[in-house]
N, C-alpha and C. Protein backbone atom coordinates (compact mmCIF):
# COMPACT_ATOMS: atom_id res chain seq x y z
N MET A 1 125.42 127.27 82.68
CA MET A 1 125.87 126.87 84.00
C MET A 1 124.90 125.82 84.56
N TRP A 2 125.33 125.17 85.60
CA TRP A 2 124.49 124.18 86.25
C TRP A 2 124.68 124.28 87.75
N THR A 3 123.72 123.74 88.47
CA THR A 3 123.76 123.77 89.93
C THR A 3 123.69 122.34 90.45
N TYR A 4 124.56 122.02 91.36
CA TYR A 4 124.56 120.70 91.97
C TYR A 4 123.86 120.78 93.31
N THR A 5 122.78 120.03 93.45
CA THR A 5 122.04 119.96 94.70
C THR A 5 122.14 118.54 95.23
N LYS A 6 122.75 118.39 96.39
CA LYS A 6 122.90 117.07 96.97
C LYS A 6 121.61 116.71 97.71
N ALA A 7 120.79 115.87 97.08
CA ALA A 7 119.51 115.48 97.66
C ALA A 7 119.20 114.04 97.27
N LEU A 8 118.46 113.35 98.11
CA LEU A 8 118.04 111.99 97.80
C LEU A 8 116.89 112.02 96.80
N GLN A 9 116.79 110.98 95.99
CA GLN A 9 115.71 110.90 95.02
C GLN A 9 114.37 110.71 95.72
N TYR A 10 114.37 109.93 96.79
CA TYR A 10 113.16 109.69 97.57
C TYR A 10 113.45 109.99 99.03
N PRO A 11 112.51 110.51 99.76
CA PRO A 11 112.75 110.77 101.19
C PRO A 11 112.94 109.46 101.96
N VAL A 12 113.85 109.47 102.92
CA VAL A 12 114.16 108.29 103.72
C VAL A 12 113.94 108.61 105.19
N ASN A 13 113.20 107.76 105.86
CA ASN A 13 112.96 107.92 107.29
C ASN A 13 113.32 106.60 107.98
N ILE A 14 114.47 106.56 108.64
CA ILE A 14 114.94 105.34 109.30
C ILE A 14 114.47 105.39 110.75
N LYS A 15 113.60 104.44 111.09
CA LYS A 15 113.06 104.39 112.45
C LYS A 15 113.89 103.50 113.36
N ASN A 16 114.34 102.37 112.85
CA ASN A 16 115.13 101.43 113.65
C ASN A 16 116.41 101.08 112.89
N PRO A 17 117.53 101.76 113.16
CA PRO A 17 118.77 101.45 112.46
C PRO A 17 119.26 100.04 112.79
N ASN A 18 119.80 99.36 111.78
CA ASN A 18 120.30 97.99 111.95
C ASN A 18 121.71 97.93 111.35
N PRO A 19 122.74 98.13 112.16
CA PRO A 19 124.11 98.15 111.64
C PRO A 19 124.54 96.84 110.98
N ALA A 20 124.06 95.71 111.45
CA ALA A 20 124.44 94.42 110.85
C ALA A 20 123.90 94.31 109.42
N MET A 21 122.65 94.72 109.23
CA MET A 21 122.07 94.69 107.88
C MET A 21 122.75 95.70 106.98
N ALA A 22 123.10 96.86 107.51
CA ALA A 22 123.81 97.87 106.72
C ALA A 22 125.15 97.33 106.23
N LYS A 23 125.84 96.59 107.07
CA LYS A 23 127.13 96.01 106.68
C LYS A 23 126.96 95.01 105.54
N VAL A 24 125.91 94.18 105.60
CA VAL A 24 125.64 93.22 104.53
C VAL A 24 125.34 93.94 103.22
N ILE A 25 124.54 94.98 103.28
CA ILE A 25 124.18 95.73 102.07
C ILE A 25 125.41 96.38 101.45
N ILE A 26 126.24 97.00 102.28
CA ILE A 26 127.44 97.67 101.77
C ILE A 26 128.40 96.67 101.13
N THR A 27 128.56 95.48 101.72
CA THR A 27 129.48 94.51 101.13
C THR A 27 128.94 93.98 99.80
N GLN A 28 127.62 93.90 99.65
CA GLN A 28 127.05 93.45 98.38
C GLN A 28 127.22 94.50 97.29
N ILE A 29 127.20 95.76 97.64
CA ILE A 29 127.33 96.83 96.65
C ILE A 29 128.79 97.12 96.34
N GLY A 30 129.61 97.29 97.36
CA GLY A 30 130.95 97.79 97.13
C GLY A 30 132.09 96.89 97.52
N GLY A 31 131.83 95.69 97.96
CA GLY A 31 132.90 94.79 98.36
C GLY A 31 133.64 94.24 97.15
N PRO A 32 134.65 93.41 97.38
CA PRO A 32 135.43 92.86 96.27
C PRO A 32 134.62 91.95 95.35
N ASP A 33 133.55 91.37 95.87
CA ASP A 33 132.68 90.54 95.04
C ASP A 33 131.32 91.20 94.83
N GLY A 34 131.26 92.50 95.01
CA GLY A 34 130.00 93.22 94.93
C GLY A 34 129.63 93.64 93.51
N GLU A 35 128.48 94.26 93.41
CA GLU A 35 127.94 94.67 92.12
C GLU A 35 128.80 95.75 91.45
N LEU A 36 129.32 96.68 92.23
CA LEU A 36 130.14 97.74 91.65
C LEU A 36 131.42 97.17 91.04
N SER A 37 132.06 96.26 91.73
CA SER A 37 133.28 95.64 91.20
C SER A 37 132.99 94.85 89.93
N ALA A 38 131.88 94.14 89.91
CA ALA A 38 131.53 93.36 88.72
C ALA A 38 131.26 94.28 87.54
N GLY A 39 130.55 95.36 87.77
CA GLY A 39 130.28 96.30 86.69
C GLY A 39 131.54 96.92 86.12
N VAL A 40 132.48 97.26 86.98
CA VAL A 40 133.75 97.84 86.52
C VAL A 40 134.55 96.81 85.72
N ARG A 41 134.51 95.55 86.14
CA ARG A 41 135.21 94.50 85.38
C ARG A 41 134.61 94.35 83.98
N TYR A 42 133.28 94.35 83.88
CA TYR A 42 132.65 94.27 82.57
C TYR A 42 133.06 95.44 81.69
N LEU A 43 133.05 96.64 82.25
CA LEU A 43 133.39 97.82 81.45
C LEU A 43 134.86 97.83 81.04
N SER A 44 135.75 97.33 81.89
CA SER A 44 137.16 97.30 81.52
C SER A 44 137.46 96.21 80.49
N GLN A 45 136.71 95.10 80.53
CA GLN A 45 136.93 94.02 79.57
C GLN A 45 136.47 94.41 78.17
N ARG A 46 135.57 95.35 78.05
CA ARG A 46 135.06 95.72 76.73
C ARG A 46 136.16 96.32 75.85
N TYR A 47 137.18 96.91 76.47
CA TYR A 47 138.24 97.56 75.69
C TYR A 47 139.22 96.57 75.08
N SER A 48 139.27 95.34 75.58
CA SER A 48 140.17 94.35 75.00
C SER A 48 139.42 93.29 74.20
N MET A 49 138.12 93.45 74.01
CA MET A 49 137.31 92.47 73.29
C MET A 49 137.45 92.69 71.78
N PRO A 50 137.82 91.66 71.03
CA PRO A 50 138.01 91.83 69.58
C PRO A 50 136.70 91.80 68.78
N TYR A 51 135.59 91.40 69.37
CA TYR A 51 134.33 91.27 68.64
C TYR A 51 133.38 92.40 69.01
N ASN A 52 132.93 93.17 68.02
CA ASN A 52 132.07 94.32 68.28
C ASN A 52 130.73 93.93 68.90
N GLU A 53 130.20 92.77 68.54
CA GLU A 53 128.93 92.35 69.11
C GLU A 53 129.04 92.17 70.62
N VAL A 54 130.15 91.62 71.05
CA VAL A 54 130.35 91.36 72.48
C VAL A 54 130.67 92.65 73.23
N VAL A 55 131.31 93.60 72.56
CA VAL A 55 131.61 94.88 73.19
C VAL A 55 130.31 95.55 73.63
N GLY A 56 129.30 95.50 72.76
CA GLY A 56 128.01 96.09 73.11
C GLY A 56 127.36 95.40 74.30
N ILE A 57 127.46 94.09 74.35
CA ILE A 57 126.87 93.34 75.47
C ILE A 57 127.60 93.68 76.77
N LEU A 58 128.93 93.71 76.75
CA LEU A 58 129.69 94.04 77.95
C LEU A 58 129.36 95.44 78.43
N ASN A 59 129.19 96.37 77.50
CA ASN A 59 128.84 97.73 77.87
C ASN A 59 127.44 97.78 78.51
N ASP A 60 126.50 97.07 77.93
CA ASP A 60 125.13 97.06 78.46
C ASP A 60 125.08 96.41 79.85
N VAL A 61 125.78 95.30 80.03
CA VAL A 61 125.78 94.63 81.33
C VAL A 61 126.50 95.48 82.37
N GLY A 62 127.60 96.12 82.00
CA GLY A 62 128.36 96.93 82.95
C GLY A 62 127.67 98.21 83.37
N THR A 63 126.76 98.71 82.56
CA THR A 63 126.08 99.96 82.89
C THR A 63 124.62 99.74 83.29
N TYR A 64 124.17 98.50 83.44
CA TYR A 64 122.79 98.22 83.81
C TYR A 64 122.50 98.68 85.24
N VAL A 65 121.41 99.39 85.39
CA VAL A 65 120.96 99.82 86.71
C VAL A 65 119.57 99.23 86.93
N PRO A 66 119.38 98.36 87.92
CA PRO A 66 118.12 97.62 88.06
C PRO A 66 116.99 98.38 88.74
N TYR A 67 116.83 99.67 88.48
CA TYR A 67 115.67 100.36 89.05
C TYR A 67 115.05 101.29 88.07
């Protein structure tokens, strides 16, 4: 069995919330031109790629996490 604990990896203490900056960050991550959309496109394109060498590259780029 396993237990799911919903917790942040690092503690966060927001002293001065900035809704305008939050909107910019969210659009970069999840908007139509954001990182999440790009990653999903790379992963979906790997299934129609006829060259195995390129399939590996598309998989690596689509699953890259920069931290």
